[in-house]
């Protein structure tokens, strides 16, 4: 692993650890830059989730690094409590089935 990859992994891990609900996306929660990212933002807002975002379009190393980190090829990527939840399709399925509410519920 190169120094850039190591640094990128460290940055990703820090963002995930510092933010209970973390979304790596294209754009940000105010101005999503793709339909899939916008859909996940809309779902999270529907659930009243307190979440942070990272715009992968602003950082090519992070854009590629998050895909390697999660072993998931697409953006957006949602993490809750340090765990990878999934991309747009999985988040949408969890939302439609009612399971996302449980995933987002604070752990006691």
C-alpha atoms as a PDB file:
ATOM      1  CA  UNK A   1       0.000   0.000   0.000  1.00  0.00           C
ATOM      2  CA  UNK A   2       1.392   3.393  -0.989  1.00  0.00           C
ATOM      3  CA  UNK A   3       1.669   6.358   1.362  1.00  0.00           C
ATOM      4  CA  UNK A   4      -1.250   8.044  -0.461  1.00  0.00           C
ATOM      5  CA  UNK A   5      -3.420   4.923  -0.029  1.00  0.00           C
ATOM      6  CA  UNK A   6      -2.486   4.660   3.649  1.00  0.00           C
ATOM      7  CA  UNK A   7      -3.231   8.361   4.222  1.00  0.00           C
ATOM      8  CA  UNK A   8      -6.544   8.046   2.347  1.00  0.00           C
ATOM      9  CA  UNK A   9      -7.570   4.996   4.396  1.00  0.00           C
ATOM     10  CA  UNK A  10      -6.713   6.877   7.586  1.00  0.00           C
ATOM     11  CA  UNK A  11      -8.826   9.863   6.504  1.00  0.00           C
ATOM     12  CA  UNK A  12     -11.758   7.588   5.625  1.00  0.00           C
ATOM     13  CA  UNK A  13     -11.539   5.720   8.948  1.00  0.00           C
ATOM     14  CA  UNK A  14     -11.401   9.029  10.870  1.00  0.00           C
ATOM     15  CA  UNK A  15     -14.509  10.369   9.107  1.00  0.00           C
ATOM     16  CA  UNK A  16     -16.398   7.142   9.791  1.00  0.00           C
ATOM     17  CA  UNK A  17     -15.279   7.043  13.432  1.00  0.00           C
ATOM     18  CA  UNK A  18     -16.019  10.734  14.090  1.00  0.00           C
ATOM     19  CA  UNK A  19     -19.491  10.772  12.512  1.00  0.00           C
ATOM     20  CA  UNK A  20     -22.121   8.267  13.608  1.00  0.00           C
ATOM     21  CA  UNK A  21     -23.880   8.526  10.211  1.00  0.00           C
ATOM     22  CA  UNK A  22     -21.451   9.270   7.386  1.00  0.00           C
ATOM     23  CA  UNK A  23     -22.308   9.486   3.696  1.00  0.00           C
ATOM     24  CA  UNK A  24     -19.625   9.522   1.015  1.00  0.00           C
ATOM     25  CA  UNK A  25     -21.371  11.037  -1.975  1.00  0.00           C
ATOM     26  CA  UNK A  26     -21.116  13.177  -5.079  1.00  0.00           C
ATOM     27  CA  UNK A  27     -21.826  16.704  -3.907  1.00  0.00           C
ATOM     28  CA  UNK A  28     -23.095  17.414  -0.405  1.00  0.00           C
ATOM     29  CA  UNK A  29     -26.386  17.198   1.463  1.00  0.00           C
ATOM     30  CA  UNK A  30     -27.313  20.736   0.387  1.00  0.00           C
ATOM     31  CA  UNK A  31     -26.373  20.262  -3.292  1.00  0.00           C
ATOM     32  CA  UNK A  32     -26.145  16.594  -4.314  1.00  0.00           C
ATOM     33  CA  UNK A  33     -24.391  16.198  -7.678  1.00  0.00           C
ATOM     34  CA  UNK A  34     -26.013  12.971  -8.834  1.00  0.00           C
ATOM     35  CA  UNK A  35     -29.421  11.375  -8.606  1.00  0.00           C
ATOM     36  CA  UNK A  36     -28.274   8.416  -6.517  1.00  0.00           C
ATOM     37  CA  UNK A  37     -26.627  10.676  -3.939  1.00  0.00           C
ATOM     38  CA  UNK A  38     -29.712  12.905  -3.902  1.00  0.00           C
ATOM     39  CA  UNK A  39     -31.939   9.887  -3.278  1.00  0.00           C
ATOM     40  CA  UNK A  40     -29.903   8.729  -0.258  1.00  0.00           C
ATOM     41  CA  UNK A  41     -29.847  12.275   1.156  1.00  0.00           C
ATOM     42  CA  UNK A  42     -33.624  12.493   0.756  1.00  0.00           C
ATOM     43  CA  UNK A  43     -34.099   9.144   2.528  1.00  0.00           C
ATOM     44  CA  UNK A  44     -31.810  10.141   5.417  1.00  0.00           C
ATOM     45  CA  UNK A  45     -33.619  13.472   5.793  1.00  0.00           C
ATOM     46  CA  UNK A  46     -36.966  11.638   5.746  1.00  0.00           C
ATOM     47  CA  UNK A  47     -35.763   9.642   8.753  1.00  0.00           C
ATOM     48  CA  UNK A  48     -34.503  12.783  10.506  1.00  0.00           C
ATOM     49  CA  UNK A  49     -30.970  11.393  10.562  1.00  0.00           C
ATOM     50  CA  UNK A  50     -28.169  13.624  11.787  1.00  0.00           C
ATOM     51  CA  UNK A  51     -25.546  12.857   9.148  1.00  0.00           C
ATOM     52  CA  UNK A  52     -22.384  14.249   7.662  1.00  0.00           C
ATOM     53  CA  UNK A  53     -21.259  14.036   4.053  1.00  0.00           C
ATOM     54  CA  UNK A  54     -17.987  13.959   2.169  1.00  0.00           C
ATOM     55  CA  UNK A  55     -17.930  15.132  -1.452  1.00  0.00           C
ATOM     56  CA  UNK A  56     -15.804  12.585  -3.324  1.00  0.00           C
ATOM     57  CA  UNK A  57     -15.834  14.805  -6.432  1.00  0.00           C
ATOM     58  CA  UNK A  58     -13.585  17.259  -4.581  1.00  0.00           C
ATOM     59  CA  UNK A  59     -10.906  14.648  -3.876  1.00  0.00           C
ATOM     60  CA  UNK A  60      -9.984  12.000  -6.494  1.00  0.00           C
ATOM     61  CA  UNK A  61      -7.895   9.999  -3.983  1.00  0.00           C
ATOM     62  CA  UNK A  62     -10.884   9.745  -1.634  1.00  0.00           C
ATOM     63  CA  UNK A  63     -13.223   8.952  -4.536  1.00  0.00           C
ATOM     64  CA  UNK A  64     -11.152   5.908  -5.446  1.00  0.00           C
ATOM     65  CA  UNK A  65     -10.066   5.155  -1.889  1.00  0.00           C
ATOM     66  CA  UNK A  66     -13.589   4.742  -0.512  1.00  0.00           C
ATOM     67  CA  UNK A  67     -14.319   2.109  -3.167  1.00  0.00           C
ATOM     68  CA  UNK A  68     -11.233   0.140  -2.123  1.00  0.00           C
ATOM     69  CA  UNK A  69     -11.912   0.681   1.588  1.00  0.00           C
ATOM     70  CA  UNK A  70     -15.453  -0.710   1.410  1.00  0.00           C
ATOM     71  CA  UNK A  71     -14.850  -3.139  -1.448  1.00  0.00           C
ATOM     72  CA  UNK A  72     -17.942  -1.536  -3.009  1.00  0.00           C
ATOM     73  CA  UNK A  73     -17.662  -0.104  -6.550  1.00  0.00           C
ATOM     74  CA  UNK A  74     -20.180   2.730  -6.483  1.00  0.00           C
ATOM     75  CA  UNK A  75     -20.913   6.054  -4.805  1.00  0.00           C
ATOM     76  CA  UNK A  76     -22.810   6.988  -2.614  1.00  0.00           C
ATOM     77  CA  UNK A  77     -21.760   4.877   0.350  1.00  0.00           C
ATOM     78  CA  UNK A  78     -23.445   5.044   3.745  1.00  0.00           C
ATOM     79  CA  UNK A  79     -21.794   4.142   7.048  1.00  0.00           C
ATOM     80  CA  UNK A  80     -23.630   3.970  10.379  1.00  0.00           C
ATOM     81  CA  UNK A  81     -21.875   3.327  13.692  1.00  0.00           C
ATOM     82  CA  UNK A  82     -18.639   2.579  11.855  1.00  0.00           C
ATOM     83  CA  UNK A  83     -20.211  -0.096   9.654  1.00  0.00           C
ATOM     84  CA  UNK A  84     -20.762  -0.012   5.908  1.00  0.00           C
ATOM     85  CA  UNK A  85     -24.514  -0.120   5.202  1.00  0.00           C
ATOM     86  CA  UNK A  86     -24.471   0.070   1.403  1.00  0.00           C
ATOM     87  CA  UNK A  87     -25.088   2.204  -1.620  1.00  0.00           C
ATOM     88  CA  UNK A  88     -28.232   3.759  -3.032  1.00  0.00           C
ATOM     89  CA  UNK A  89     -29.985   0.484  -3.914  1.00  0.00           C
ATOM     90  CA  UNK A  90     -29.421  -1.082  -0.498  1.00  0.00           C
ATOM     91  CA  UNK A  91     -30.350   2.092   1.409  1.00  0.00           C
ATOM     92  CA  UNK A  92     -33.527   2.358  -0.690  1.00  0.00           C
ATOM     93  CA  UNK A  93     -34.412  -1.298  -0.031  1.00  0.00           C
ATOM     94  CA  UNK A  94     -33.809  -0.860   3.713  1.00  0.00           C
ATOM     95  CA  UNK A  95     -35.963   2.280   3.680  1.00  0.00           C
ATOM     96  CA  UNK A  96     -38.800   0.585   1.773  1.00  0.00           C
ATOM     97  CA  UNK A  97     -38.771  -2.453   4.081  1.00  0.00           C
ATOM     98  CA  UNK A  98     -38.706  -0.332   7.248  1.00  0.00           C
ATOM     99  CA  UNK A  99     -35.323  -1.735   8.306  1.00  0.00           C
ATOM    100  CA  UNK A 100     -33.425   1.534   7.830  1.00  0.00           C
ATOM    101  CA  UNK A 101     -35.201   3.031  10.822  1.00  0.00           C
ATOM    102  CA  UNK A 102     -33.638   0.301  12.995  1.00  0.00           C
ATOM    103  CA  UNK A 103     -30.200   0.823  11.419  1.00  0.00           C
ATOM    104  CA  UNK A 104     -30.377   4.573  12.118  1.00  0.00           C
ATOM    105  CA  UNK A 105     -31.776   4.223  15.652  1.00  0.00           C
ATOM    106  CA  UNK A 106     -29.224   5.222  18.296  1.00  0.00           C
ATOM    107  CA  UNK A 107     -27.674   2.220  20.014  1.00  0.00           C
ATOM    108  CA  UNK A 108     -28.300   2.040  23.756  1.00  0.00           C
END
